[in-house]
């Protein structure tokens, strides 16, 4: 099994002070994600489940992306592997609070079953003038 560092729940400020990103001023559970593929599974007190899959592009390397899946919306769609995947609603928030994407307006066929966050290095991004 992969080595992970389990740290106690702490304040957002304490997590930030040891090198983790801060998001909202609420209790924070910092987790060191190991190299290679790794999933964090979380559940709320009323049973709603969400998973965060940290995926590698090269075997044994640090993760390059995070697949997020919410498992309890109640609807599902066919997936690429011949099975079914749950769908969920999501929105994205951009500059000034603008909602650039909001799946709540779509049908189940148009809702995401996985949200993917690319863990690119900001230094690797093309210059602003080259972006579409």
N, C-alpha and C. Protein backbone atom coordinates (compact mmCIF):
# COMPACT_ATOMS: atom_id res chain seq x y z
N UNK A 1 0.84 -1.18 0.00
CA UNK A 1 0.00 0.00 0.00
C UNK A 1 0.89 1.24 0.00
N UNK A 2 0.40 2.29 -0.65
CA UNK A 2 1.15 3.53 -0.75
C UNK A 2 1.29 4.18 0.62
N UNK A 3 2.43 4.82 0.83
CA UNK A 3 2.63 5.56 2.07
C UNK A 3 1.90 6.89 1.98
N UNK A 4 1.07 7.18 2.96
CA UNK A 4 0.45 8.49 3.04
C UNK A 4 0.70 9.04 4.42
N UNK A 5 0.73 10.34 4.50
CA UNK A 5 0.88 11.00 5.78
C UNK A 5 -0.49 11.40 6.28
N UNK A 6 -0.88 10.88 7.42
CA UNK A 6 -2.16 11.24 8.02
C UNK A 6 -1.92 12.31 9.06
N UNK A 7 -2.48 13.45 8.81
CA UNK A 7 -2.35 14.56 9.74
C UNK A 7 -3.70 14.80 10.40
N UNK A 8 -3.74 15.38 11.57
CA UNK A 8 -5.02 15.64 12.24
C UNK A 8 -5.77 16.78 11.56
N UNK A 9 -7.07 16.82 11.78
CA UNK A 9 -7.87 17.96 11.36
C UNK A 9 -7.34 19.18 12.10
N UNK A 10 -7.21 20.29 11.38
CA UNK A 10 -6.66 21.52 11.96
C UNK A 10 -7.32 22.73 11.36
N UNK A 11 -6.99 23.89 11.86
CA UNK A 11 -7.54 25.12 11.29
C UNK A 11 -6.94 25.33 9.90
N UNK A 12 -7.63 26.09 9.08
CA UNK A 12 -7.12 26.41 7.75
C UNK A 12 -5.78 27.13 7.85
N UNK A 13 -5.65 28.00 8.84
CA UNK A 13 -4.39 28.74 9.03
C UNK A 13 -3.25 27.80 9.38
N UNK A 14 -3.51 26.80 10.24
CA UNK A 14 -2.47 25.84 10.60
C UNK A 14 -2.07 25.00 9.40
N UNK A 15 -3.04 24.59 8.59
CA UNK A 15 -2.72 23.81 7.39
C UNK A 15 -1.87 24.64 6.44
N UNK A 16 -2.21 25.90 6.28
CA UNK A 16 -1.44 26.79 5.41
C UNK A 16 -0.02 26.96 5.93
N UNK A 17 0.12 27.03 7.24
CA UNK A 17 1.45 27.25 7.83
C UNK A 17 2.40 26.08 7.61
N UNK A 18 1.86 24.89 7.28
CA UNK A 18 2.73 23.74 7.02
C UNK A 18 2.78 23.40 5.52
N UNK A 19 2.34 24.35 4.68
CA UNK A 19 2.53 24.21 3.25
C UNK A 19 1.33 23.77 2.43
N UNK A 20 0.16 23.63 3.03
CA UNK A 20 -1.03 23.24 2.29
C UNK A 20 -1.79 24.49 1.86
N UNK A 21 -2.58 24.38 0.79
CA UNK A 21 -3.38 25.51 0.32
C UNK A 21 -4.54 25.74 1.27
N UNK A 22 -4.92 26.99 1.38
CA UNK A 22 -6.03 27.36 2.25
C UNK A 22 -7.25 27.64 1.39
N UNK A 23 -8.41 27.12 1.80
CA UNK A 23 -9.67 27.39 1.11
C UNK A 23 -10.76 27.48 2.16
N UNK A 24 -11.24 28.67 2.38
CA UNK A 24 -12.23 28.98 3.42
C UNK A 24 -11.63 28.77 4.81
N UNK A 25 -12.16 29.45 5.76
CA UNK A 25 -11.65 29.39 7.13
C UNK A 25 -12.47 28.39 7.93
N UNK A 26 -12.27 27.11 7.61
CA UNK A 26 -13.01 26.02 8.24
C UNK A 26 -12.02 24.92 8.64
N UNK A 27 -12.42 23.96 9.47
CA UNK A 27 -11.52 22.85 9.79
C UNK A 27 -11.02 22.19 8.50
N UNK A 28 -9.75 21.83 8.49
CA UNK A 28 -9.08 21.32 7.29
C UNK A 28 -8.35 20.02 7.61
N UNK A 29 -8.47 19.03 6.73
CA UNK A 29 -7.75 17.77 6.86
C UNK A 29 -6.68 17.73 5.78
N UNK A 30 -5.43 18.07 6.11
CA UNK A 30 -4.37 18.02 5.11
C UNK A 30 -3.94 16.58 4.84
N UNK A 31 -3.74 16.26 3.56
CA UNK A 31 -3.35 14.91 3.15
C UNK A 31 -2.20 15.01 2.17
N UNK A 32 -1.12 14.29 2.42
CA UNK A 32 -0.03 14.16 1.45
C UNK A 32 -0.38 13.02 0.52
N UNK A 33 -0.63 13.33 -0.74
CA UNK A 33 -0.99 12.32 -1.73
C UNK A 33 0.30 11.71 -2.28
N UNK A 34 0.42 10.38 -2.26
CA UNK A 34 1.65 9.73 -2.74
C UNK A 34 1.73 9.75 -4.27
N UNK A 35 2.92 9.49 -4.79
CA UNK A 35 3.10 9.34 -6.22
C UNK A 35 2.33 8.10 -6.69
N UNK A 36 1.99 8.07 -7.97
CA UNK A 36 1.21 6.97 -8.52
C UNK A 36 -0.28 7.27 -8.45
N UNK A 37 -1.09 6.31 -8.80
CA UNK A 37 -2.55 6.47 -8.75
C UNK A 37 -3.03 6.31 -7.32
N UNK A 38 -4.00 7.15 -6.93
CA UNK A 38 -4.46 7.14 -5.54
C UNK A 38 -5.85 7.75 -5.48
N UNK A 39 -6.75 7.15 -4.70
CA UNK A 39 -8.11 7.66 -4.54
C UNK A 39 -8.37 8.05 -3.09
N UNK A 40 -9.01 9.19 -2.92
CA UNK A 40 -9.54 9.60 -1.62
C UNK A 40 -11.05 9.51 -1.74
N UNK A 41 -11.67 8.79 -0.83
CA UNK A 41 -13.12 8.61 -0.81
C UNK A 41 -13.66 9.28 0.45
N UNK A 42 -14.69 10.12 0.28
CA UNK A 42 -15.27 10.85 1.41
C UNK A 42 -16.78 10.63 1.44
N UNK A 43 -17.35 10.72 2.64
CA UNK A 43 -18.78 10.52 2.83
C UNK A 43 -19.30 11.52 3.85
N UNK A 44 -20.45 12.15 3.56
CA UNK A 44 -21.06 13.09 4.50
C UNK A 44 -21.85 12.32 5.55
N UNK A 45 -22.29 13.02 6.59
CA UNK A 45 -23.02 12.37 7.67
C UNK A 45 -24.35 11.78 7.20
N UNK A 46 -24.90 12.30 6.09
CA UNK A 46 -26.16 11.74 5.58
C UNK A 46 -25.93 10.74 4.44
N UNK A 47 -24.67 10.31 4.23
CA UNK A 47 -24.38 9.23 3.32
C UNK A 47 -24.01 9.60 1.90
N UNK A 48 -23.93 10.88 1.55
CA UNK A 48 -23.54 11.26 0.19
C UNK A 48 -22.05 11.02 0.01
N UNK A 49 -21.69 10.38 -1.13
CA UNK A 49 -20.31 9.94 -1.35
C UNK A 49 -19.68 10.65 -2.54
N UNK A 50 -18.40 10.99 -2.39
CA UNK A 50 -17.63 11.62 -3.45
C UNK A 50 -16.23 11.03 -3.43
N UNK A 51 -15.64 10.87 -4.64
CA UNK A 51 -14.28 10.35 -4.72
C UNK A 51 -13.41 11.31 -5.51
N UNK A 52 -12.13 11.31 -5.14
CA UNK A 52 -11.11 12.12 -5.79
C UNK A 52 -9.99 11.16 -6.20
N UNK A 53 -9.88 10.89 -7.50
CA UNK A 53 -8.85 9.99 -8.02
C UNK A 53 -7.69 10.83 -8.53
N UNK A 54 -6.54 10.68 -7.90
CA UNK A 54 -5.32 11.37 -8.31
C UNK A 54 -4.60 10.45 -9.29
N UNK A 55 -4.53 10.82 -10.56
CA UNK A 55 -4.00 9.94 -11.59
C UNK A 55 -2.65 10.39 -12.12
N UNK A 56 -1.88 9.40 -12.48
CA UNK A 56 -0.55 9.62 -13.02
C UNK A 56 -0.59 9.49 -14.54
N UNK A 57 0.25 10.21 -15.24
CA UNK A 57 0.44 9.99 -16.68
C UNK A 57 1.55 8.98 -16.93
N UNK A 58 2.57 8.98 -16.05
CA UNK A 58 3.67 8.01 -16.13
C UNK A 58 3.69 7.21 -14.85
N UNK A 59 3.90 5.91 -14.95
CA UNK A 59 3.89 5.01 -13.79
C UNK A 59 4.83 5.50 -12.69
N UNK A 60 4.29 5.62 -11.48
CA UNK A 60 5.08 6.00 -10.32
C UNK A 60 5.39 7.48 -10.20
N UNK A 61 4.86 8.29 -11.12
CA UNK A 61 5.15 9.73 -11.06
C UNK A 61 4.11 10.44 -10.19
N UNK A 62 4.36 11.69 -9.83
CA UNK A 62 3.35 12.44 -9.10
C UNK A 62 2.08 12.57 -9.95
N UNK A 63 0.92 12.64 -9.32
CA UNK A 63 -0.32 12.76 -10.08
C UNK A 63 -0.32 13.99 -10.98
N UNK A 64 -0.96 13.83 -12.15
CA UNK A 64 -1.05 14.91 -13.14
C UNK A 64 -2.47 15.44 -13.29
N UNK A 65 -3.44 14.72 -12.73
CA UNK A 65 -4.83 15.15 -12.84
C UNK A 65 -5.62 14.56 -11.67
N UNK A 66 -6.80 15.13 -11.44
CA UNK A 66 -7.72 14.62 -10.42
C UNK A 66 -9.07 14.41 -11.09
N UNK A 67 -9.59 13.20 -11.03
CA UNK A 67 -10.96 12.90 -11.47
C UNK A 67 -11.85 12.96 -10.24
N UNK A 68 -12.91 13.74 -10.32
CA UNK A 68 -13.86 13.89 -9.21
C UNK A 68 -15.18 13.29 -9.64
N UNK A 69 -15.74 12.44 -8.78
CA UNK A 69 -17.02 11.83 -9.10
C UNK A 69 -17.90 11.84 -7.86
N UNK A 70 -19.14 12.32 -8.05
CA UNK A 70 -20.16 12.31 -6.99
C UNK A 70 -21.06 11.12 -7.29
N UNK A 71 -21.27 10.27 -6.31
CA UNK A 71 -21.89 8.97 -6.56
C UNK A 71 -23.37 8.86 -6.23
N UNK A 72 -24.02 9.89 -5.71
CA UNK A 72 -25.36 9.71 -5.17
C UNK A 72 -26.40 10.70 -5.69
N UNK A 73 -26.28 11.15 -6.93
CA UNK A 73 -27.28 12.04 -7.53
C UNK A 73 -28.55 11.28 -7.87
N UNK A 74 -28.42 9.98 -8.17
CA UNK A 74 -29.59 9.16 -8.46
C UNK A 74 -29.74 8.79 -9.93
N UNK A 75 -29.02 9.45 -10.82
CA UNK A 75 -29.09 9.13 -12.25
C UNK A 75 -27.73 8.63 -12.72
N UNK A 76 -27.72 7.88 -13.82
CA UNK A 76 -26.47 7.41 -14.38
C UNK A 76 -26.57 7.38 -15.90
N UNK A 77 -25.41 7.29 -16.56
CA UNK A 77 -25.34 7.22 -18.02
C UNK A 77 -24.37 6.11 -18.40
N UNK A 78 -24.48 5.58 -19.64
CA UNK A 78 -23.50 4.59 -20.09
C UNK A 78 -22.11 5.22 -20.14
N UNK A 79 -21.10 4.45 -19.72
CA UNK A 79 -19.73 4.97 -19.78
C UNK A 79 -18.95 4.27 -20.88
N UNK A 80 -17.70 4.67 -21.05
CA UNK A 80 -16.86 4.14 -22.13
C UNK A 80 -16.45 2.68 -21.92
N UNK A 81 -16.64 2.15 -20.71
CA UNK A 81 -16.22 0.77 -20.41
C UNK A 81 -17.37 -0.22 -20.46
N UNK A 82 -18.53 0.20 -20.98
CA UNK A 82 -19.68 -0.69 -21.07
C UNK A 82 -20.51 -0.75 -19.81
N UNK A 83 -20.15 -0.01 -18.80
CA UNK A 83 -20.92 0.04 -17.56
C UNK A 83 -21.73 1.32 -17.48
N UNK A 84 -22.04 1.71 -16.27
CA UNK A 84 -22.80 2.94 -16.04
C UNK A 84 -22.04 3.79 -15.03
N UNK A 85 -22.10 5.09 -15.22
CA UNK A 85 -21.46 6.03 -14.30
C UNK A 85 -22.51 7.01 -13.79
N UNK A 86 -22.41 7.39 -12.52
CA UNK A 86 -23.36 8.37 -12.00
C UNK A 86 -23.12 9.74 -12.63
N UNK A 87 -24.19 10.50 -12.79
CA UNK A 87 -24.06 11.88 -13.24
C UNK A 87 -24.35 12.80 -12.05
N UNK A 88 -23.93 14.04 -12.18
CA UNK A 88 -24.14 14.99 -11.10
C UNK A 88 -24.20 16.39 -11.67
N UNK A 89 -24.65 17.31 -10.87
CA UNK A 89 -24.65 18.72 -11.26
C UNK A 89 -23.39 19.37 -10.76
N UNK A 90 -22.88 20.29 -11.55
CA UNK A 90 -21.71 21.06 -11.14
C UNK A 90 -21.74 22.41 -11.84
N UNK A 91 -21.03 23.33 -11.27
CA UNK A 91 -20.83 24.61 -11.92
C UNK A 91 -19.41 25.04 -11.69
N UNK A 92 -18.94 25.93 -12.53
CA UNK A 92 -17.61 26.49 -12.36
C UNK A 92 -17.75 27.97 -12.08
N UNK A 93 -16.83 28.50 -11.33
CA UNK A 93 -16.86 29.92 -10.96
C UNK A 93 -15.58 30.56 -11.44
N UNK A 94 -15.73 31.63 -12.20
CA UNK A 94 -14.60 32.35 -12.75
C UNK A 94 -14.49 33.75 -12.17
N UNK A 95 -13.80 34.59 -12.91
CA UNK A 95 -13.53 35.96 -12.46
C UNK A 95 -14.82 36.69 -12.08
N UNK A 96 -14.77 37.35 -10.96
CA UNK A 96 -15.91 38.13 -10.50
C UNK A 96 -17.12 37.30 -10.11
N UNK A 97 -16.92 36.00 -9.90
CA UNK A 97 -18.03 35.14 -9.50
C UNK A 97 -18.87 34.64 -10.67
N UNK A 98 -18.43 34.88 -11.90
CA UNK A 98 -19.20 34.42 -13.06
C UNK A 98 -19.25 32.91 -13.09
N UNK A 99 -20.43 32.37 -13.41
CA UNK A 99 -20.61 30.93 -13.57
C UNK A 99 -20.47 30.61 -15.04
N UNK A 100 -19.29 30.09 -15.42
CA UNK A 100 -19.00 29.82 -16.82
C UNK A 100 -19.66 28.55 -17.31
N UNK A 101 -19.89 27.61 -16.41
CA UNK A 101 -20.54 26.34 -16.75
C UNK A 101 -21.50 25.99 -15.62
N UNK A 102 -22.73 25.59 -15.97
CA UNK A 102 -23.72 25.19 -14.98
C UNK A 102 -24.53 24.04 -15.57
N UNK A 103 -24.32 22.83 -15.07
CA UNK A 103 -24.98 21.65 -15.63
C UNK A 103 -26.44 21.53 -15.22
N UNK A 104 -26.88 22.32 -14.26
CA UNK A 104 -28.25 22.18 -13.77
C UNK A 104 -29.28 22.44 -14.85
N UNK A 105 -28.91 23.15 -15.89
CA UNK A 105 -29.84 23.47 -16.97
C UNK A 105 -29.96 22.34 -18.00
N UNK A 106 -29.07 21.34 -17.97
CA UNK A 106 -29.03 20.30 -18.98
C UNK A 106 -29.80 19.06 -18.60
N UNK A 107 -29.97 18.16 -19.57
CA UNK A 107 -30.58 16.85 -19.32
C UNK A 107 -29.51 15.93 -18.74
N UNK A 108 -29.92 14.78 -18.26
CA UNK A 108 -28.96 13.82 -17.70
C UNK A 108 -27.87 13.45 -18.71
N UNK A 109 -28.22 13.35 -19.99
CA UNK A 109 -27.24 13.01 -21.02
C UNK A 109 -26.16 14.09 -21.17
N UNK A 110 -26.46 15.31 -20.74
CA UNK A 110 -25.50 16.41 -20.85
C UNK A 110 -24.78 16.72 -19.55
N UNK A 111 -25.12 16.01 -18.48
CA UNK A 111 -24.49 16.26 -17.18
C UNK A 111 -23.15 15.51 -17.10
N UNK A 112 -22.20 16.02 -16.35
CA UNK A 112 -20.92 15.31 -16.22
C UNK A 112 -21.06 14.06 -15.35
N UNK A 113 -20.22 13.07 -15.66
CA UNK A 113 -20.11 11.90 -14.78
C UNK A 113 -18.75 11.91 -14.09
N UNK A 114 -17.82 12.69 -14.63
CA UNK A 114 -16.51 12.89 -14.02
C UNK A 114 -16.10 14.34 -14.28
N UNK A 115 -15.62 15.01 -13.27
CA UNK A 115 -15.01 16.33 -13.44
C UNK A 115 -13.50 16.11 -13.35
N UNK A 116 -12.75 16.66 -14.29
CA UNK A 116 -11.31 16.45 -14.33
C UNK A 116 -10.61 17.78 -14.10
N UNK A 117 -9.74 17.80 -13.11
CA UNK A 117 -8.88 18.95 -12.84
C UNK A 117 -7.48 18.57 -13.29
N UNK A 118 -6.91 19.34 -14.20
CA UNK A 118 -5.55 19.07 -14.67
C UNK A 118 -4.57 19.75 -13.74
N UNK A 119 -3.63 18.99 -13.21
CA UNK A 119 -2.67 19.52 -12.25
C UNK A 119 -1.40 19.99 -12.96
N UNK A 120 -1.60 20.87 -13.93
CA UNK A 120 -0.48 21.40 -14.67
C UNK A 120 0.31 22.39 -13.84
N UNK A 121 1.53 22.60 -14.24
CA UNK A 121 2.39 23.57 -13.59
C UNK A 121 2.15 24.92 -14.27
N UNK A 122 1.81 25.96 -13.50
CA UNK A 122 1.56 27.27 -14.12
C UNK A 122 2.71 27.75 -15.00
N UNK A 123 3.92 27.33 -14.70
CA UNK A 123 5.07 27.72 -15.52
C UNK A 123 5.02 27.10 -16.90
N UNK A 124 4.28 25.99 -17.04
CA UNK A 124 4.17 25.30 -18.32
C UNK A 124 3.05 25.85 -19.21
N UNK A 125 2.23 26.74 -18.69
CA UNK A 125 1.13 27.29 -19.46
C UNK A 125 1.66 28.20 -20.57
N UNK A 126 0.97 28.20 -21.72
CA UNK A 126 1.43 29.09 -22.80
C UNK A 126 1.27 30.55 -22.39
N UNK A 127 2.03 31.45 -23.00
CA UNK A 127 1.85 32.87 -22.69
C UNK A 127 0.40 33.29 -22.95
N UNK A 128 -0.06 34.27 -22.22
CA UNK A 128 -1.45 34.71 -22.30
C UNK A 128 -1.85 35.02 -23.75
N UNK A 129 -0.95 35.58 -24.54
CA UNK A 129 -1.27 35.95 -25.93
C UNK A 129 -1.48 34.71 -26.80
N UNK A 130 -1.00 33.52 -26.39
CA UNK A 130 -1.16 32.29 -27.17
C UNK A 130 -2.42 31.51 -26.81
N UNK A 131 -3.09 31.88 -25.74
CA UNK A 131 -4.26 31.15 -25.28
C UNK A 131 -5.47 31.51 -26.14
N UNK A 132 -6.31 30.51 -26.37
CA UNK A 132 -7.52 30.74 -27.18
C UNK A 132 -8.57 31.45 -26.38
